[in-house]
Amino acid sequence: MARSEAPIERLALADLADAGALVAEAGWNQVAADWRIFLDFGTAYAVRSGGRVIATAATLPYGRCAWISMVLVSAGHRRQGLATRLLHRCISDIEASGLVPVLDATPAGAKVYAPLGFEAAWGFTRLAAQRHSIEAPQADAIAIRPIADADWAALCAYDVAIFGADRSGVLARMRGRLAASNLVAQRGGRIAGMLLGRDGRTAAHLGPLIAEDDAIAQALLAQALRAIAGPVYIDVADAKREVRGFLESSGFSAQRPFTRMLLGRRESFDDLSRTYAVIGPEFG
């Protein structure tokens, strides 16, 4: 097909139905509340044809870096260069702001991004379960409870130290969307982990999951999953083999791998020792 020269514009609130249709066509999990995060904290782009949105992309700044995601093109308008144009627009805008472009790539996407200068930092895998059966792990001296308002400032500071940037605005939008997953872990009276989650179009999605060790991560997951029937997605860091094994023994299986990639930089900003599951490839 001929290259499309339709202008790249901003996605608006009035476009969310069209954006949702693109998500459904791709079989992705995002809902309107996810798009609102990009509109309120980042930038969402749209290409239109006949008054309808036919392609999107989004960026979300986090301190020293900014995420690129939600690159979607309707089936009838593919192979016209729209995804490439949107990607380059995102990269250009991020670099103009002095930030490092970051994205989470599927294996097919990684082959596209690597020639542009994106380097692989670390990987994670989406685990999915239509139904699950959770055995409570041993969690001596670990207290797991729902997040209270009084916890929030300290939890956001804890997250900054692990994620490497302040994403409290995004986390606040996650909090409350899947109440059973809003959990804090304490050990010795100190914060030792946190879990959030959100509703989705096709499944509940747990993450981020950050914790001091495997036992705490498993205890957080076990408490949340006992209250969530399924289906459920969790994007688990590949390095966390014990937690992945715990989930697989509970009914989860690998759906697809992702690679976190940074433009011109191999090291990510995360504390990988305490990163167990990401929010999702769209948010980091």
Protein backbone atom coordinates (compact mmCIF):
# COMPACT_ATOMS: atom_id res chain seq x y z
CA MET A 1 0.00 0.00 0.00
CA ALA A 2 1.01 3.63 -0.49
CA ARG A 3 2.47 5.48 2.47
CA SER A 4 -0.15 7.44 4.41
CA GLU A 5 0.50 11.17 4.79
CA ALA A 6 -2.41 11.77 7.16
CA PRO A 7 -1.33 14.17 9.93
CA ILE A 8 -0.38 13.02 13.40
CA GLU A 9 -2.66 14.82 15.86
CA ARG A 10 -3.52 14.56 19.54
CA LEU A 11 -5.92 11.96 20.82
CA ALA A 12 -8.87 13.59 22.61
CA LEU A 13 -11.43 12.42 25.14
CA ALA A 14 -13.96 12.22 22.35
CA ASP A 15 -11.72 9.64 20.62
CA LEU A 16 -11.69 7.09 23.45
CA ALA A 17 -14.36 4.91 21.83
CA ASP A 18 -12.26 4.71 18.66
CA ALA A 19 -9.12 4.00 20.72
CA GLY A 20 -11.01 1.26 22.55
CA ALA A 21 -12.01 -0.27 19.23
CA LEU A 22 -8.35 -0.44 18.19
CA VAL A 23 -7.50 -2.15 21.49
CA ALA A 24 -10.28 -4.69 20.98
CA GLU A 25 -9.21 -5.36 17.39
CA ALA A 26 -5.66 -6.06 18.58
CA GLY A 27 -6.89 -8.28 21.43
CA TRP A 28 -5.24 -6.07 24.04
CA ASN A 29 -6.45 -5.49 27.60
CA GLN A 30 -6.62 -1.70 28.08
CA VAL A 31 -9.80 0.17 29.01
CA ALA A 32 -10.74 3.87 28.93
CA ALA A 33 -9.16 4.49 32.35
CA ASP A 34 -5.79 3.45 30.91
CA TRP A 35 -6.11 5.86 27.99
CA ARG A 36 -6.98 8.62 30.46
CA ILE A 37 -3.58 8.15 32.11
CA PHE A 38 -1.84 9.03 28.86
CA LEU A 39 -4.12 11.99 28.28
CA ASP A 40 -3.56 13.35 31.80
CA PHE A 41 0.12 12.53 32.43
CA GLY A 42 1.65 12.03 29.01
CA THR A 43 0.83 12.46 25.34
CA ALA A 44 -1.45 10.34 23.18
CA TYR A 45 -1.26 10.68 19.41
CA ALA A 46 -3.85 9.81 16.79
CA VAL A 47 -4.05 9.52 13.03
CA ARG A 48 -7.55 9.94 11.62
CA SER A 49 -9.27 8.94 8.42
CA GLY A 50 -12.86 9.80 7.62
CA GLY A 51 -13.24 11.36 11.03
CA ARG A 52 -12.26 8.15 12.87
CA VAL A 53 -9.04 7.27 14.67
CA ILE A 54 -7.16 4.62 12.69
CA ALA A 55 -3.80 4.65 14.52
CA THR A 56 -2.43 5.65 17.91
CA ALA A 57 0.74 5.91 19.98
CA ALA A 58 1.44 7.29 23.44
CA THR A 59 4.28 8.53 25.59
CA LEU A 60 4.51 8.78 29.36
CA PRO A 61 7.37 10.66 31.07
CA TYR A 62 8.98 9.30 34.23
CA GLY A 63 11.84 11.41 35.56
CA ARG A 64 14.86 10.64 33.36
CA CYS A 65 12.97 8.49 30.86
CA ALA A 66 9.67 8.29 29.00
CA TRP A 67 7.70 5.26 27.91
CA ILE A 68 6.51 4.63 24.35
CA SER A 69 3.47 2.40 23.98
CA MET A 70 -0.03 1.93 22.56
CA VAL A 71 1.25 1.84 18.96
CA LEU A 72 -1.88 0.54 17.26
CA VAL A 73 -3.01 0.62 13.63
CA SER A 74 -6.37 -0.62 12.40
CA ALA A 75 -6.19 -3.66 10.15
CA GLY A 76 -7.43 -1.80 7.08
CA HIS A 77 -4.69 0.82 7.30
CA ARG A 78 -1.58 -1.25 7.98
CA ARG A 79 1.50 -1.30 5.74
CA GLN A 80 1.14 2.42 5.10
CA GLY A 81 3.97 3.50 7.39
CA LEU A 82 1.69 4.76 10.15
CA ALA A 83 3.31 2.81 12.99
CA THR A 84 6.78 3.91 11.89
CA ARG A 85 5.76 7.56 11.68
CA LEU A 86 4.12 7.44 15.09
CA LEU A 87 7.14 5.73 16.64
CA HIS A 88 9.55 8.31 15.24
CA ARG A 89 7.29 11.12 16.46
CA CYS A 90 7.37 9.68 19.96
CA ILE A 91 11.14 9.26 19.93
CA SER A 92 11.66 12.80 18.61
CA ASP A 93 9.43 14.37 21.26
CA ILE A 94 11.02 12.41 24.10
CA GLU A 95 14.57 13.24 23.04
CA ALA A 96 13.62 16.90 22.59
CA SER A 97 12.63 16.84 26.27
CA GLY A 98 16.04 15.49 27.24
CA LEU A 99 14.68 12.10 28.30
CA VAL A 100 15.60 8.52 27.39
CA PRO A 101 13.00 6.66 25.28
CA VAL A 102 12.03 3.31 26.80
CA LEU A 103 9.64 0.62 25.60
CA ASP A 104 8.70 -2.98 26.32
CA ALA A 105 8.96 -4.99 23.12
CA THR A 106 7.56 -8.28 21.95
CA PRO A 107 10.07 -10.49 20.07
CA ALA A 108 8.74 -9.17 16.75
CA GLY A 109 8.92 -5.59 17.98
CA ALA A 110 12.48 -6.01 19.25
CA LYS A 111 13.61 -6.79 15.71
CA VAL A 112 12.17 -3.43 14.61
CA TYR A 113 13.50 -1.39 17.52
CA ALA A 114 17.06 -2.73 17.65
CA PRO A 115 18.12 -1.18 14.31
CA LEU A 116 16.85 2.19 15.62
CA GLY A 117 19.33 2.02 18.49
CA PHE A 118 17.19 0.48 21.23
CA GLU A 119 19.18 -1.87 23.47
CA ALA A 120 17.86 -4.76 25.54
CA ALA A 121 18.05 -4.30 29.31
CA TRP A 122 16.04 -7.16 30.82
CA GLY A 123 13.06 -9.36 30.14
CA PHE A 124 9.73 -10.29 31.60
CA THR A 125 7.00 -12.73 30.68
CA ARG A 126 3.25 -12.38 30.77
CA LEU A 127 1.76 -15.20 32.81
CA ALA A 128 -1.96 -15.78 32.39
CA ALA A 129 -4.56 -17.92 34.11
CA GLN A 130 -8.23 -18.39 33.33
CA ARG A 131 -8.56 -19.95 36.78
CA HIS A 132 -6.07 -20.62 39.52
CA SER A 133 -5.66 -22.44 42.81
CA ILE A 134 -3.41 -20.71 45.33
CA GLU A 135 -1.66 -22.46 48.19
CA ALA A 136 -0.73 -19.96 50.90
CA PRO A 137 3.09 -19.89 51.18
CA GLN A 138 4.98 -19.75 54.45
CA ALA A 139 5.31 -16.07 55.37
CA ASP A 140 6.78 -15.93 58.85
CA ALA A 141 6.97 -12.43 60.34
CA ILE A 142 5.39 -10.90 57.22
CA ALA A 143 2.22 -8.85 57.66
CA ILE A 144 0.06 -8.35 54.54
CA ARG A 145 -2.83 -5.91 54.68
CA PRO A 146 -4.84 -3.54 52.45
CA ILE A 147 -3.20 -0.23 51.63
CA ALA A 148 -4.53 2.62 53.76
CA ASP A 149 -4.44 6.32 52.96
CA ALA A 150 -1.88 6.78 55.71
CA ASP A 151 0.48 4.37 53.89
CA TRP A 152 0.37 6.08 50.52
CA ALA A 153 3.14 8.69 50.74
CA ALA A 154 5.62 6.18 52.15
CA LEU A 155 4.66 3.58 49.52
CA CYS A 156 5.20 6.07 46.70
CA ALA A 157 8.64 6.91 48.11
CA TYR A 158 9.41 3.18 48.36
CA ASP A 159 8.41 2.76 44.72
CA VAL A 160 10.62 5.67 43.60
CA ALA A 161 13.66 3.93 45.08
CA ILE A 162 12.88 0.75 43.14
CA PHE A 163 11.46 2.00 39.83
CA GLY A 164 14.00 4.82 39.62
CA ALA A 165 11.51 7.63 39.04
CA ASP A 166 8.40 9.15 40.57
CA ARG A 167 5.30 7.54 39.07
CA SER A 168 2.96 8.33 41.96
CA GLY A 169 0.37 9.91 39.66
CA VAL A 170 0.08 6.73 37.63
CA LEU A 171 0.04 4.53 40.73
CA ALA A 172 -2.75 6.64 42.21
CA ARG A 173 -4.83 5.92 39.11
CA MET A 174 -4.22 2.19 39.54
CA ARG A 175 -5.15 2.20 43.20
CA GLY A 176 -8.79 1.28 43.71
CA ARG A 177 -9.41 -0.26 40.29
CA LEU A 178 -8.92 -3.77 41.68
CA ALA A 179 -9.35 -3.38 45.41
CA ALA A 180 -8.31 -6.92 46.37
CA SER A 181 -4.84 -6.29 44.91
CA ASN A 182 -4.11 -3.05 46.80
CA LEU A 183 -1.76 -4.58 49.37
CA VAL A 184 1.24 -3.58 51.44
CA ALA A 185 3.68 -5.97 53.10
CA GLN A 186 5.47 -5.11 56.34
CA ARG A 187 8.23 -6.88 58.20
CA GLY A 188 9.55 -5.60 61.47
CA GLY A 189 7.25 -2.60 61.19
CA ARG A 190 8.86 -1.49 57.91
CA ILE A 191 7.53 -1.55 54.32
CA ALA A 192 8.76 -4.71 52.64
CA GLY A 193 6.63 -4.82 49.49
CA MET A 194 3.64 -3.52 47.59
CA LEU A 195 1.15 -4.81 45.05
CA LEU A 196 -1.42 -3.00 42.93
CA GLY A 197 -3.67 -4.13 40.10
CA ARG A 198 -6.33 -2.99 37.69
CA ASP A 199 -9.37 -4.11 35.82
CA GLY A 200 -8.96 -4.81 32.11
CA ARG A 201 -10.96 -5.49 28.98
CA THR A 202 -10.16 -9.22 28.99
CA ALA A 203 -8.54 -9.89 32.40
CA ALA A 204 -7.54 -8.43 35.72
CA HIS A 205 -3.91 -7.34 35.64
CA LEU A 206 -1.68 -7.50 38.73
CA GLY A 207 1.29 -5.15 38.99
CA PRO A 208 3.44 -3.49 39.92
CA LEU A 209 4.75 -6.01 42.40
CA ILE A 210 7.83 -4.84 44.29
CA ALA A 211 9.24 -6.67 47.29
CA GLU A 212 12.32 -7.26 49.37
CA ASP A 213 12.44 -11.00 48.61
CA ASP A 214 10.64 -13.96 47.06
CA ALA A 215 8.72 -14.88 50.21
CA ILE A 216 7.18 -11.41 50.46
CA ALA A 217 6.33 -11.33 46.75
CA GLN A 218 4.59 -14.71 47.00
CA ALA A 219 2.69 -13.69 50.11
CA LEU A 220 1.37 -10.56 48.39
CA LEU A 221 0.33 -12.53 45.30
CA ALA A 222 -1.30 -15.27 47.34
CA GLN A 223 -3.48 -12.87 49.31
CA ALA A 224 -4.57 -10.99 46.19
CA LEU A 225 -5.24 -14.08 44.09
CA ARG A 226 -7.35 -15.74 46.76
CA ALA A 227 -9.80 -12.85 46.26
CA ILE A 228 -9.66 -12.67 42.43
CA ALA A 229 -11.35 -15.43 40.47
CA GLY A 230 -9.75 -14.82 37.08
CA PRO A 231 -8.83 -14.46 34.34
CA VAL A 232 -5.63 -12.77 35.50
CA TYR A 233 -2.43 -11.46 33.87
CA ILE A 234 0.87 -10.88 35.67
CA ASP A 235 4.02 -9.64 33.87
CA VAL A 236 6.79 -11.33 35.88
CA ALA A 237 10.49 -10.47 35.62
CA ASP A 238 12.37 -13.39 34.06
CA ALA A 239 14.96 -13.25 36.84
CA LYS A 240 12.31 -14.09 39.44
CA ARG A 241 12.21 -17.79 38.72
CA GLU A 242 10.96 -18.86 42.15
CA VAL A 243 7.93 -16.58 41.95
CA ARG A 244 7.24 -17.66 38.39
CA GLY A 245 7.38 -21.30 39.53
CA PHE A 246 4.94 -20.50 42.34
CA LEU A 247 2.49 -18.98 39.85
CA GLU A 248 2.87 -21.81 37.33
CA SER A 249 2.16 -24.36 40.05
CA SER A 250 -1.00 -22.37 40.81
CA GLY A 251 -2.38 -22.56 37.27
CA PHE A 252 -0.58 -19.78 35.38
CA SER A 253 1.19 -20.33 32.08
CA ALA A 254 3.41 -18.20 29.87
CA GLN A 255 1.54 -16.18 27.27
CA ARG A 256 4.24 -14.01 25.69
CA PRO A 257 7.72 -12.60 26.45
CA PHE A 258 8.75 -8.95 26.48
CA THR A 259 12.11 -7.17 26.51
CA ARG A 260 12.63 -3.80 28.18
CA MET A 261 14.62 -1.69 25.72
CA LEU A 262 16.19 1.77 26.08
CA LEU A 263 17.36 3.98 23.25
CA GLY A 264 21.15 4.22 23.33
CA ARG A 265 21.38 2.76 26.82
CA ARG A 266 21.66 -0.82 28.03
CA GLU A 267 21.13 -0.31 31.76
CA SER A 268 17.59 0.32 32.94
CA PHE A 269 16.74 2.66 35.81
CA ASP A 270 15.05 -0.08 37.87
CA ASP A 271 16.29 -1.85 40.98
CA LEU A 272 15.94 -5.30 39.46
CA SER A 273 16.57 -7.11 42.75
CA ARG A 274 13.20 -5.87 44.06
CA THR A 275 11.23 -5.67 40.79
CA TYR A 276 9.00 -8.74 40.55
CA ALA A 277 6.23 -7.69 38.17
CA VAL A 278 5.75 -4.54 36.10
CA ILE A 279 2.53 -2.53 35.77
CA GLY A 280 2.38 -3.68 32.16
CA PRO A 281 4.24 -3.00 28.91
CA GLU A 282 2.15 0.11 28.32
CA PHE A 283 3.14 1.76 31.64
CA GLY A 284 6.47 0.28 32.70
